[in-house]
Amino acid sequence: MKNFFLPAAILALIVSLSACSSKSSFESDVKKMGNYRCKMQQLKAKDPSDEKAKKEVEDLKKEMDEYGEKMGKKYADKKNDKEMDEKAGKIMDEIMNNCK
């Protein structure tokens, strides 16, 4: 399970750092990915022998992968916008700092 989280987190960050033409859409997309990451962190904190949590992690992983792929396509042409990268990083940090 640990092997999945790091690549997923990296993918989430890359996708969320991508820029877009609509500011509110971009912020919404970053927040959604941040919420996925938070939920994954919460599930990972549960008892490793909890079968329900394992199933939830698998389901969430699928959902995150699908969303990440969709966002990768949506923002493919705007991956090098440093201003949007910084904004996405701030949004993601805020969500993860408040994740409990």
Protein backbone atom coordinates (compact mmCIF):
# COMPACT_ATOMS: atom_id res chain seq x y z
CA MET A 1 0.00 0.00 0.00
CA LYS A 2 2.85 2.43 0.76
CA ASN A 3 4.22 1.91 -2.74
CA PHE A 4 1.02 3.28 -4.21
CA PHE A 5 0.72 6.43 -2.12
CA LEU A 6 3.94 8.11 -3.20
CA PRO A 7 3.33 7.78 -6.96
CA ALA A 8 -0.30 8.79 -6.48
CA ALA A 9 0.73 11.83 -4.45
CA ILE A 10 3.29 12.82 -7.06
CA LEU A 11 0.78 12.37 -9.86
CA ALA A 12 -1.79 14.36 -7.92
CA LEU A 13 0.67 17.17 -7.36
CA ILE A 14 1.76 17.26 -11.00
CA VAL A 15 -1.79 17.28 -12.25
CA SER A 16 -2.87 19.82 -9.69
CA LEU A 17 0.06 22.08 -10.49
CA SER A 18 -1.02 22.33 -14.09
CA ALA A 19 -2.52 25.59 -15.21
CA CYS A 20 -5.85 26.25 -16.86
CA SER A 21 -7.80 28.99 -18.55
CA SER A 22 -10.56 29.21 -15.96
CA LYS A 23 -9.35 30.23 -12.53
CA SER A 24 -12.38 28.90 -10.64
CA SER A 25 -12.30 25.63 -12.56
CA PHE A 26 -8.59 25.28 -11.85
CA GLU A 27 -9.03 25.96 -8.14
CA SER A 28 -11.92 23.52 -7.98
CA ASP A 29 -9.85 20.82 -9.71
CA VAL A 30 -6.90 21.35 -7.36
CA LYS A 31 -9.19 21.25 -4.32
CA LYS A 32 -10.78 18.03 -5.52
CA MET A 33 -7.39 16.38 -5.94
CA GLY A 34 -6.38 17.70 -2.52
CA ASN A 35 -9.48 16.19 -0.99
CA TYR A 36 -8.64 12.86 -2.62
CA ARG A 37 -5.15 13.02 -1.12
CA CYS A 38 -6.53 13.91 2.31
CA LYS A 39 -8.98 11.04 2.25
CA MET A 40 -6.20 8.67 1.18
CA GLN A 41 -4.05 9.88 4.07
CA GLN A 42 -6.92 9.28 6.48
CA LEU A 43 -7.51 5.78 5.15
CA LYS A 44 -3.81 4.96 5.36
CA ALA A 45 -3.88 5.93 9.05
CA LYS A 46 -6.42 3.19 9.81
CA ASP A 47 -5.53 -0.28 11.04
CA PRO A 48 -3.70 -2.13 8.23
CA SER A 49 -5.72 -5.25 8.94
CA ASP A 50 -9.03 -3.41 8.44
CA GLU A 51 -10.48 -5.02 5.31
CA LYS A 52 -13.07 -2.28 4.86
CA ALA A 53 -10.32 0.36 4.83
CA LYS A 54 -8.30 -1.69 2.33
CA LYS A 55 -11.30 -1.82 0.00
CA GLU A 56 -11.86 1.91 0.40
CA VAL A 57 -8.19 2.55 -0.44
CA GLU A 58 -8.49 0.43 -3.60
CA ASP A 59 -11.67 2.22 -4.67
CA LEU A 60 -10.19 5.63 -3.94
CA LYS A 61 -7.02 4.75 -5.85
CA LYS A 62 -9.11 3.91 -8.93
CA GLU A 63 -11.06 7.14 -8.60
CA MET A 64 -7.87 9.19 -8.16
CA ASP A 65 -6.22 7.54 -11.15
CA GLU A 66 -9.23 8.25 -13.36
CA TYR A 67 -9.42 11.85 -12.17
CA GLY A 68 -5.66 12.31 -12.57
CA GLU A 69 -5.82 11.03 -16.13
CA LYS A 70 -8.73 13.32 -16.92
CA MET A 71 -6.93 16.34 -15.45
CA GLY A 72 -3.71 15.43 -17.24
CA LYS A 73 -5.57 15.67 -20.54
CA LYS A 74 -7.47 18.78 -19.54
CA TYR A 75 -4.32 20.72 -18.60
CA ALA A 76 -1.78 19.11 -20.96
CA ASP A 77 -1.08 22.38 -22.76
CA LYS A 78 -0.47 24.41 -19.59
CA LYS A 79 2.02 22.37 -17.58
CA ASN A 80 4.78 25.01 -17.39
CA ASP A 81 2.85 27.96 -15.97
CA LYS A 82 4.86 28.80 -12.82
CA GLU A 83 2.27 31.21 -11.40
CA MET A 84 -0.45 28.57 -11.53
CA ASP A 85 1.97 25.96 -10.16
CA GLU A 86 2.60 28.14 -7.12
CA LYS A 87 -1.11 28.78 -6.61
CA ALA A 88 -1.88 25.06 -6.85
CA GLY A 89 0.90 24.31 -4.37
CA LYS A 90 -0.57 26.77 -1.88
CA ILE A 91 -4.07 25.33 -2.26
CA MET A 92 -2.77 21.77 -1.89
CA ASP A 93 -0.68 22.69 1.17
CA GLU A 94 -3.68 24.36 2.81
CA ILE A 95 -5.88 21.32 2.26
CA MET A 96 -3.25 18.88 3.50
CA ASN A 97 -2.45 21.04 6.56
CA ASN A 98 -6.13 20.96 7.50
CA CYS A 99 -6.48 17.25 6.80
CA LYS A 100 -7.21 15.33 10.00
